Amino acid sequence: MEFKRKDNMIYLDIDGQDLAYIKFAYHDDYIEAYSTFVDTSLRGQGVAQKLVDALVAVAKEENKRINPTCSYVVNLFEKKPEKYSDIQY
């Protein structure tokens, strides 16, 4: 599974359709993760978490932290603090 990036979105394109994405916005000292979507055909396969992990990699590369405002990302960060507490804004 290979994600692509366009502007402020990391996404999964299958046959020309964006079937999963995470959208984010840059602020002075953090990245806001504000929307996550996974098509029903891909749900239950861990795609959303992989999108979050791709955004985490971007944030670390750019020395930024992530402020989750998307409910999925908020819940993921709360469920797995051992994995995400160091990157959460």
PDB file of N, CA and C in Angstrom:
ATOM      1  N   MET A   1       0.844  -1.171   0.000  1.00  0.00           N
ATOM      2  CA  MET A   1       0.000   0.000   0.000  1.00  0.00           C
ATOM      3  C   MET A   1       0.894   1.241   0.000  1.00  0.00           C
ATOM      4  N   GLU A   2       0.791   2.020  -1.042  1.00  0.00           N
ATOM      5  CA  GLU A   2       1.640   3.200  -1.171  1.00  0.00           C
ATOM      6  C   GLU A   2       0.788   4.460  -1.198  1.00  0.00           C
ATOM      7  N   PHE A   3       1.069   5.334  -0.243  1.00  0.00           N
ATOM      8  CA  PHE A   3       0.342   6.595  -0.165  1.00  0.00           C
ATOM      9  C   PHE A   3       1.028   7.653  -1.011  1.00  0.00           C
ATOM     10  N   LYS A   4       0.240   8.606  -1.454  1.00  0.00           N
ATOM     11  CA  LYS A   4       0.752   9.753  -2.194  1.00  0.00           C
ATOM     12  C   LYS A   4       0.461  10.998  -1.377  1.00  0.00           C
ATOM     13  N   ARG A   5       1.152  12.068  -1.713  1.00  0.00           N
ATOM     14  CA  ARG A   5       0.910  13.332  -1.028  1.00  0.00           C
ATOM     15  C   ARG A   5       0.670  14.416  -2.052  1.00  0.00           C
ATOM     16  N   LYS A   6      -0.374  15.194  -1.804  1.00  0.00           N
ATOM     17  CA  LYS A   6      -0.679  16.350  -2.640  1.00  0.00           C
ATOM     18  C   LYS A   6      -1.082  17.473  -1.707  1.00  0.00           C
ATOM     19  N   ASP A   7      -0.330  18.561  -1.752  1.00  0.00           N
ATOM     20  CA  ASP A   7      -0.586  19.698  -0.868  1.00  0.00           C
ATOM     21  C   ASP A   7      -0.676  19.213   0.577  1.00  0.00           C
ATOM     22  N   ASN A   8      -1.792  19.470   1.230  1.00  0.00           N
ATOM     23  CA  ASN A   8      -1.950  19.110   2.635  1.00  0.00           C
ATOM     24  C   ASN A   8      -2.838  17.880   2.797  1.00  0.00           C
ATOM     25  N   MET A   9      -2.559  16.872   1.986  1.00  0.00           N
ATOM     26  CA  MET A   9      -3.322  15.636   2.046  1.00  0.00           C
ATOM     27  C   MET A   9      -2.404  14.460   1.708  1.00  0.00           C
ATOM     28  N   ILE A  10      -2.515  13.404   2.491  1.00  0.00           N
ATOM     29  CA  ILE A  10      -1.868  12.134   2.192  1.00  0.00           C
ATOM     30  C   ILE A  10      -3.006  11.196   1.834  1.00  0.00           C
ATOM     31  N   TYR A  11      -2.874  10.487   0.721  1.00  0.00           N
ATOM     32  CA  TYR A  11      -4.022   9.720   0.247  1.00  0.00           C
ATOM     33  C   TYR A  11      -3.603   8.426  -0.440  1.00  0.00           C
ATOM     34  N   LEU A  12      -4.604   7.557  -0.601  1.00  0.00           N
ATOM     35  CA  LEU A  12      -4.437   6.301  -1.311  1.00  0.00           C
ATOM     36  C   LEU A  12      -5.285   6.372  -2.564  1.00  0.00           C
ATOM     37  N   ASP A  13      -4.621   6.314  -3.706  1.00  0.00           N
ATOM     38  CA  ASP A  13      -5.288   6.384  -5.006  1.00  0.00           C
ATOM     39  C   ASP A  13      -5.320   4.985  -5.602  1.00  0.00           C
ATOM     40  N   ILE A  14      -6.521   4.507  -5.876  1.00  0.00           N
ATOM     41  CA  ILE A  14      -6.680   3.215  -6.540  1.00  0.00           C
ATOM     42  C   ILE A  14      -7.522   3.439  -7.783  1.00  0.00           C
ATOM     43  N   ASP A  15      -6.928   3.172  -8.929  1.00  0.00           N
ATOM     44  CA  ASP A  15      -7.614   3.349 -10.220  1.00  0.00           C
ATOM     45  C   ASP A  15      -8.185   4.755 -10.384  1.00  0.00           C
ATOM     46  N   GLY A  16      -7.410   5.748  -9.963  1.00  0.00           N
ATOM     47  CA  GLY A  16      -7.815   7.142 -10.149  1.00  0.00           C
ATOM     48  C   GLY A  16      -8.802   7.673  -9.133  1.00  0.00           C
ATOM     49  N   GLN A  17      -9.102   6.901  -8.107  1.00  0.00           N
ATOM     50  CA  GLN A  17     -10.026   7.354  -7.073  1.00  0.00           C
ATOM     51  C   GLN A  17      -9.305   7.449  -5.736  1.00  0.00           C
ATOM     52  N   ASP A  18      -9.547   8.538  -5.020  1.00  0.00           N
ATOM     53  CA  ASP A  18      -8.993   8.699  -3.676  1.00  0.00           C
ATOM     54  C   ASP A  18      -9.877   7.911  -2.713  1.00  0.00           C
ATOM     55  N   LEU A  19      -9.426   6.717  -2.345  1.00  0.00           N
ATOM     56  CA  LEU A  19     -10.240   5.849  -1.499  1.00  0.00           C
ATOM     57  C   LEU A  19      -9.953   6.006  -0.015  1.00  0.00           C
ATOM     58  N   ALA A  20      -8.900   6.721   0.311  1.00  0.00           N
ATOM     59  CA  ALA A  20      -8.579   6.983   1.713  1.00  0.00           C
ATOM     60  C   ALA A  20      -7.683   8.213   1.764  1.00  0.00           C
ATOM     61  N   TYR A  21      -7.869   9.021   2.806  1.00  0.00           N
ATOM     62  CA  TYR A  21      -7.011  10.200   2.947  1.00  0.00           C
ATOM     63  C   TYR A  21      -6.997  10.715   4.376  1.00  0.00           C
ATOM     64  N   ILE A  22      -5.964  11.488   4.666  1.00  0.00           N
ATOM     65  CA  ILE A  22      -5.906  12.298   5.869  1.00  0.00           C
ATOM     66  C   ILE A  22      -5.559  13.701   5.405  1.00  0.00           C
ATOM     67  N   LYS A  23      -6.338  14.669   5.867  1.00  0.00           N
ATOM     68  CA  LYS A  23      -6.107  16.065   5.509  1.00  0.00           C
ATOM     69  C   LYS A  23      -5.554  16.790   6.724  1.00  0.00           C
ATOM     70  N   PHE A  24      -4.665  17.732   6.451  1.00  0.00           N
ATOM     71  CA  PHE A  24      -4.013  18.445   7.541  1.00  0.00           C
ATOM     72  C   PHE A  24      -3.711  19.875   7.138  1.00  0.00           C
ATOM     73  N   ALA A  25      -3.453  20.701   8.143  1.00  0.00           N
ATOM     74  CA  ALA A  25      -3.143  22.114   7.919  1.00  0.00           C
ATOM     75  C   ALA A  25      -1.908  22.477   8.734  1.00  0.00           C
ATOM     76  N   TYR A  26      -1.080  23.300   8.143  1.00  0.00           N
ATOM     77  CA  TYR A  26       0.116  23.772   8.834  1.00  0.00           C
ATOM     78  C   TYR A  26      -0.202  25.017   9.645  1.00  0.00           C
ATOM     79  N   HIS A  27       0.314  25.047  10.864  1.00  0.00           N
ATOM     80  CA  HIS A  27       0.260  26.221  11.727  1.00  0.00           C
ATOM     81  C   HIS A  27       1.705  26.528  12.107  1.00  0.00           C
ATOM     82  N   ASP A  28       1.925  27.591  12.843  1.00  0.00           N
ATOM     83  CA  ASP A  28       3.297  28.012  13.137  1.00  0.00           C
ATOM     84  C   ASP A  28       4.185  26.887  13.660  1.00  0.00           C
ATOM     85  N   ASP A  29       3.738  26.210  14.711  1.00  0.00           N
ATOM     86  CA  ASP A  29       4.609  25.207  15.312  1.00  0.00           C
ATOM     87  C   ASP A  29       3.984  23.817  15.397  1.00  0.00           C
ATOM     88  N   TYR A  30       2.913  23.588  14.667  1.00  0.00           N
ATOM     89  CA  TYR A  30       2.302  22.264  14.661  1.00  0.00           C
ATOM     90  C   TYR A  30       1.529  22.025  13.369  1.00  0.00           C
ATOM     91  N   ILE A  31       1.150  20.773  13.183  1.00  0.00           N
ATOM     92  CA  ILE A  31       0.305  20.362  12.063  1.00  0.00           C
ATOM     93  C   ILE A  31      -1.030  19.915  12.647  1.00  0.00           C
ATOM     94  N   GLU A  32      -2.108  20.440  12.119  1.00  0.00           N
ATOM     95  CA  GLU A  32      -3.444  20.049  12.566  1.00  0.00           C
ATOM     96  C   GLU A  32      -3.969  18.937  11.657  1.00  0.00           C
ATOM     97  N   ALA A  33      -4.272  17.791  12.241  1.00  0.00           N
ATOM     98  CA  ALA A  33      -4.889  16.679  11.505  1.00  0.00           C
ATOM     99  C   ALA A  33      -6.394  16.817  11.690  1.00  0.00           C
ATOM    100  N   TYR A  34      -7.092  17.250  10.626  1.00  0.00           N
ATOM    101  CA  TYR A  34      -8.500  17.604  10.809  1.00  0.00           C
ATOM    102  C   TYR A  34      -9.504  16.717  10.089  1.00  0.00           C
ATOM    103  N   SER A  35      -9.077  15.808   9.226  1.00  0.00           N
ATOM    104  CA  SER A  35     -10.053  14.961   8.537  1.00  0.00           C
ATOM    105  C   SER A  35      -9.399  13.669   8.074  1.00  0.00           C
ATOM    106  N   THR A  36     -10.064  12.564   8.357  1.00  0.00           N
ATOM    107  CA  THR A  36      -9.612  11.255   7.901  1.00  0.00           C
ATOM    108  C   THR A  36     -10.796  10.540   7.267  1.00  0.00           C
ATOM    109  N   PHE A  37     -10.544   9.895   6.134  1.00  0.00           N
ATOM    110  CA  PHE A  37     -11.600   9.154   5.447  1.00  0.00           C
ATOM    111  C   PHE A  37     -11.024   7.866   4.882  1.00  0.00           C
ATOM    112  N   VAL A  38     -11.783   6.781   5.033  1.00  0.00           N
ATOM    113  CA  VAL A  38     -11.437   5.504   4.405  1.00  0.00           C
ATOM    114  C   VAL A  38     -12.717   4.950   3.790  1.00  0.00           C
ATOM    115  N   ASP A  39     -12.651   4.629   2.516  1.00  0.00           N
ATOM    116  CA  ASP A  39     -13.790   4.052   1.810  1.00  0.00           C
ATOM    117  C   ASP A  39     -14.209   2.739   2.481  1.00  0.00           C
ATOM    118  N   THR A  40     -15.493   2.441   2.423  1.00  0.00           N
ATOM    119  CA  THR A  40     -16.004   1.225   3.066  1.00  0.00           C
ATOM    120  C   THR A  40     -15.309  -0.040   2.559  1.00  0.00           C
ATOM    121  N   SER A  41     -14.864  -0.036   1.326  1.00  0.00           N
ATOM    122  CA  SER A  41     -14.197  -1.222   0.765  1.00  0.00           C
ATOM    123  C   SER A  41     -12.846  -1.502   1.413  1.00  0.00           C
ATOM    124  N   LEU A  42     -12.288  -0.516   2.113  1.00  0.00           N
ATOM    125  CA  LEU A  42     -10.969  -0.672   2.732  1.00  0.00           C
ATOM    126  C   LEU A  42     -11.012  -0.687   4.257  1.00  0.00           C
ATOM    127  N   ARG A  43     -12.174  -0.485   4.834  1.00  0.00           N
ATOM    128  CA  ARG A  43     -12.268  -0.397   6.294  1.00  0.00           C
ATOM    129  C   ARG A  43     -11.935  -1.732   6.948  1.00  0.00           C
ATOM    130  N   GLY A  44     -11.389  -1.629   8.155  1.00  0.00           N
ATOM    131  CA  GLY A  44     -11.022  -2.824   8.905  1.00  0.00           C
ATOM    132  C   GLY A  44      -9.668  -3.397   8.535  1.00  0.00           C
ATOM    133  N   GLN A  45      -8.919  -2.692   7.702  1.00  0.00           N
ATOM    134  CA  GLN A  45      -7.605  -3.168   7.255  1.00  0.00           C
ATOM    135  C   GLN A  45      -6.454  -2.331   7.811  1.00  0.00           C
ATOM    136  N   GLY A  46      -6.766  -1.416   8.723  1.00  0.00           N
ATOM    137  CA  GLY A  46      -5.724  -0.593   9.323  1.00  0.00           C
ATOM    138  C   GLY A  46      -5.264   0.561   8.458  1.00  0.00           C
ATOM    139  N   VAL A  47      -6.026   0.896   7.435  1.00  0.00           N
ATOM    140  CA  VAL A  47      -5.621   1.954   6.502  1.00  0.00           C
ATOM    141  C   VAL A  47      -5.575   3.313   7.195  1.00  0.00           C
ATOM    142  N   ALA A  48      -6.566   3.613   8.012  1.00  0.00           N
ATOM    143  CA  ALA A  48      -6.608   4.923   8.677  1.00  0.00           C
ATOM    144  C   ALA A  48      -5.387   5.114   9.574  1.00  0.00           C
ATOM    145  N   GLN A  49      -5.028   4.088  10.332  1.00  0.00           N
ATOM    146  CA  GLN A  49      -3.856   4.211  11.196  1.00  0.00           C
ATOM    147  C   GLN A  49      -2.583   4.368  10.366  1.00  0.00           C
ATOM    148  N   LYS A  50      -2.512   3.696   9.241  1.00  0.00           N
ATOM    149  CA  LYS A  50      -1.342   3.854   8.368  1.00  0.00           C
ATOM    150  C   LYS A  50      -1.258   5.272   7.814  1.00  0.00           C
ATOM    151  N   LEU A  51      -2.401   5.883   7.537  1.00  0.00           N
ATOM    152  CA  LEU A  51      -2.411   7.282   7.099  1.00  0.00           C
ATOM    153  C   LEU A  51      -1.893   8.188   8.209  1.00  0.00           C
ATOM    154  N   VAL A  52      -2.350   7.947   9.428  1.00  0.00           N
ATOM    155  CA  VAL A  52      -1.868   8.735  10.569  1.00  0.00           C
ATOM    156  C   VAL A  52      -0.365   8.551  10.718  1.00  0.00           C
ATOM    157  N   ASP A  53       0.106   7.323  10.605  1.00  0.00           N
ATOM    158  CA  ASP A  53       1.541   7.068  10.729  1.00  0.00           C
ATOM    159  C   ASP A  53       2.340   7.770   9.629  1.00  0.00           C
ATOM    160  N   ALA A  54       1.767   7.865   8.442  1.00  0.00           N
ATOM    161  CA  ALA A  54       2.429   8.600   7.356  1.00  0.00           C
ATOM    162  C   ALA A  54       2.519  10.082   7.704  1.00  0.00           C
ATOM    163  N   LEU A  55       1.463  10.627   8.313  1.00  0.00           N
ATOM    164  CA  LEU A  55       1.500  12.035   8.734  1.00  0.00           C
ATOM    165  C   LEU A  55       2.491  12.223   9.877  1.00  0.00           C
ATOM    166  N   VAL A  56       2.572  11.273  10.777  1.00  0.00           N
ATOM    167  CA  VAL A  56       3.554  11.336  11.865  1.00  0.00           C
ATOM    168  C   VAL A  56       4.967  11.398  11.283  1.00  0.00           C
ATOM    169  N   ALA A  57       5.234  10.618  10.260  1.00  0.00           N
ATOM    170  CA  ALA A  57       6.557  10.638   9.620  1.00  0.00           C
ATOM    171  C   ALA A  57       6.855  12.011   9.027  1.00  0.00           C
ATOM    172  N   VAL A  58       5.855  12.625   8.405  1.00  0.00           N
ATOM    173  CA  VAL A  58       6.020  13.976   7.854  1.00  0.00           C
ATOM    174  C   VAL A  58       6.319  14.960   8.981  1.00  0.00           C
ATOM    175  N   ALA A  59       5.546  14.881  10.054  1.00  0.00           N
ATOM    176  CA  ALA A  59       5.728  15.802  11.177  1.00  0.00           C
ATOM    177  C   ALA A  59       7.124  15.664  11.784  1.00  0.00           C
ATOM    178  N   LYS A  60       7.574  14.450  11.963  1.00  0.00           N
ATOM    179  CA  LYS A  60       8.913  14.237  12.534  1.00  0.00           C
ATOM    180  C   LYS A  60       9.996  14.765  11.605  1.00  0.00           C
ATOM    181  N   GLU A  61       9.819  14.541  10.323  1.00  0.00           N
ATOM    182  CA  GLU A  61      10.794  15.026   9.349  1.00  0.00           C
ATOM    183  C   GLU A  61      10.882  16.554   9.367  1.00  0.00           C
ATOM    184  N   GLU A  62       9.758  17.197   9.636  1.00  0.00           N
ATOM    185  CA  GLU A  62       9.699  18.660   9.629  1.00  0.00           C
ATOM    186  C   GLU A  62       9.800  19.259  11.034  1.00  0.00           C
ATOM    187  N   ASN A  63      10.123  18.429  12.021  1.00  0.00           N
ATOM    188  CA  ASN A  63      10.247  18.868  13.415  1.00  0.00           C
ATOM    189  C   ASN A  63       9.005  19.597  13.911  1.00  0.00           C
ATOM    190  N   LYS A  64       7.858  19.011  13.626  1.00  0.00           N
ATOM    191  CA  LYS A  64       6.581  19.573  14.074  1.00  0.00           C
ATOM    192  C   LYS A  64       5.872  18.523  14.907  1.00  0.00           C
ATOM    193  N   ARG A  65       4.850  18.964  15.627  1.00  0.00           N
ATOM    194  CA  ARG A  65       3.992  18.056  16.372  1.00  0.00           C
ATOM    195  C   ARG A  65       2.614  18.095  15.737  1.00  0.00           C
ATOM    196  N   ILE A  66       1.772  17.151  16.111  1.00  0.00           N
ATOM    197  CA  ILE A  66       0.439  17.046  15.520  1.00  0.00           C
ATOM    198  C   ILE A  66      -0.624  17.390  16.552  1.00  0.00           C
ATOM    199  N   ASN A  67      -1.508  18.299  16.168  1.00  0.00           N
ATOM    200  CA  ASN A  67      -2.687  18.627  16.966  1.00  0.00           C
ATOM    201  C   ASN A  67      -3.872  17.933  16.304  1.00  0.00           C
ATOM    202  N   PRO A  68      -4.382  16.855  16.903  1.00  0.00           N
ATOM    203  CA  PRO A  68      -5.492  16.143  16.278  1.00  0.00           C
ATOM    204  C   PRO A  68      -6.828  16.814  16.577  1.00  0.00           C
ATOM    205  N   THR A  69      -7.541  17.211  15.537  1.00  0.00           N
ATOM    206  CA  THR A  69      -8.900  17.720  15.714  1.00  0.00           C
ATOM    207  C   THR A  69      -9.908  16.791  15.051  1.00  0.00           C
ATOM    208  N   CYS A  70      -9.437  15.888  14.235  1.00  0.00           N
ATOM    209  CA  CYS A  70     -10.271  14.836  13.642  1.00  0.00           C
ATOM    210  C   CYS A  70     -10.560  13.804  14.738  1.00  0.00           C
ATOM    211  N   SER A  71     -11.808  13.406  14.879  1.00  0.00           N
ATOM    212  CA  SER A  71     -12.182  12.488  15.965  1.00  0.00           C
ATOM    213  C   SER A  71     -11.422  11.160  15.892  1.00  0.00           C
ATOM    214  N   TYR A  72     -11.170  10.655  14.694  1.00  0.00           N
ATOM    215  CA  TYR A  72     -10.432   9.398  14.582  1.00  0.00           C
ATOM    216  C   TYR A  72      -9.021   9.548  15.153  1.00  0.00           C
ATOM    217  N   VAL A  73      -8.336  10.626  14.787  1.00  0.00           N
ATOM    218  CA  VAL A  73      -6.955  10.826  15.243  1.00  0.00           C
ATOM    219  C   VAL A  73      -6.925  11.090  16.747  1.00  0.00           C
ATOM    220  N   VAL A  74      -7.885  11.860  17.250  1.00  0.00           N
ATOM    221  CA  VAL A  74      -7.982  12.097  18.698  1.00  0.00           C
ATOM    222  C   VAL A  74      -8.092  10.758  19.427  1.00  0.00           C
ATOM    223  N   ASN A  75      -9.016   9.911  18.985  1.00  0.00           N
ATOM    224  CA  ASN A  75      -9.224   8.610  19.629  1.00  0.00           C
ATOM    225  C   ASN A  75      -7.996   7.710  19.519  1.00  0.00           C
ATOM    226  N   LEU A  76      -7.349   7.713  18.369  1.00  0.00           N
ATOM    227  CA  LEU A  76      -6.152   6.892  18.183  1.00  0.00           C
ATOM    228  C   LEU A  76      -5.038   7.339  19.127  1.00  0.00           C
ATOM    229  N   PHE A  77      -4.819   8.638  19.227  1.00  0.00           N
ATOM    230  CA  PHE A  77      -3.784   9.158  20.118  1.00  0.00           C
ATOM    231  C   PHE A  77      -4.098   8.800  21.575  1.00  0.00           C
ATOM    232  N   GLU A  78      -5.387   8.820  21.944  1.00  0.00           N
ATOM    233  CA  GLU A  78      -5.780   8.468  23.314  1.00  0.00           C
ATOM    234  C   GLU A  78      -5.604   6.973  23.576  1.00  0.00           C
ATOM    235  N   LYS A  79      -5.895   6.137  22.582  1.00  0.00           N
ATOM    236  CA  LYS A  79      -5.793   4.685  22.746  1.00  0.00           C
ATOM    237  C   LYS A  79      -4.353   4.192  22.763  1.00  0.00           C
ATOM    238  N   LYS A  80      -3.461   4.917  22.093  1.00  0.00           N
ATOM    239  CA  LYS A  80      -2.074   4.461  21.971  1.00  0.00           C
ATOM    240  C   LYS A  80      -1.090   5.564  22.375  1.00  0.00           C
ATOM    241  N   PRO A  81      -1.164   5.999  23.635  1.00  0.00           N
ATOM    242  CA  PRO A  81      -0.264   7.086  24.053  1.00  0.00           C
ATOM    243  C   PRO A  81       1.210   6.704  23.958  1.00  0.00           C
ATOM    244  N   GLU A  82       1.510   5.416  24.128  1.00  0.00           N
ATOM    245  CA  GLU A  82       2.906   4.980  24.052  1.00  0.00           C
ATOM    246  C   GLU A  82       3.489   5.190  22.660  1.00  0.00           C
ATOM    247  N   LYS A  83       2.633   5.231  21.662  1.00  0.00           N
ATOM    248  CA  LYS A  83       3.094   5.406  20.284  1.00  0.00           C
ATOM    249  C   LYS A  83       3.057   6.867  19.840  1.00  0.00           C
ATOM    250  N   TYR A  84       2.097   7.637  20.354  1.00  0.00           N
ATOM    251  CA  TYR A  84       1.861   8.970  19.802  1.00  0.00           C
ATOM    252  C   TYR A  84       2.088  10.143  20.758  1.00  0.00           C
ATOM    253  N   SER A  85       2.309   9.890  22.039  1.00  0.00           N
ATOM    254  CA  SER A  85       2.412  11.011  22.983  1.00  0.00           C
ATOM    255  C   SER A  85       3.579  11.943  22.664  1.00  0.00           C
ATOM    256  N   ASP A  86       4.644  11.412  22.083  1.00  0.00           N
ATOM    257  CA  ASP A  86       5.804  12.254  21.779  1.00  0.00           C
ATOM    258  C   ASP A  86       5.571  13.190  20.602  1.00  0.00           C
ATOM    259  N   ILE A  87       4.549  12.921  19.796  1.00  0.00           N
ATOM    260  CA  ILE A  87       4.291  13.733  18.604  1.00  0.00           C
ATOM    261  C   ILE A  87       3.061  14.620  18.787  1.00  0.00           C
ATOM    262  N   GLN A  88       2.254  14.334  19.825  1.00  0.00           N
ATOM    263  CA  GLN A  88       1.020  15.102  20.015  1.00  0.00           C
ATOM    264  C   GLN A  88       1.320  16.492  20.535  1.00  0.00           C
ATOM    265  N   TYR A  89       0.652  17.475  19.952  1.00  0.00           N
ATOM    266  CA  TYR A  89       0.825  18.883  20.321  1.00  0.00           C
ATOM    267  C   TYR A  89       0.029  19.185  21.562  1.00  0.00           C
TER     268      TYR A  89
END
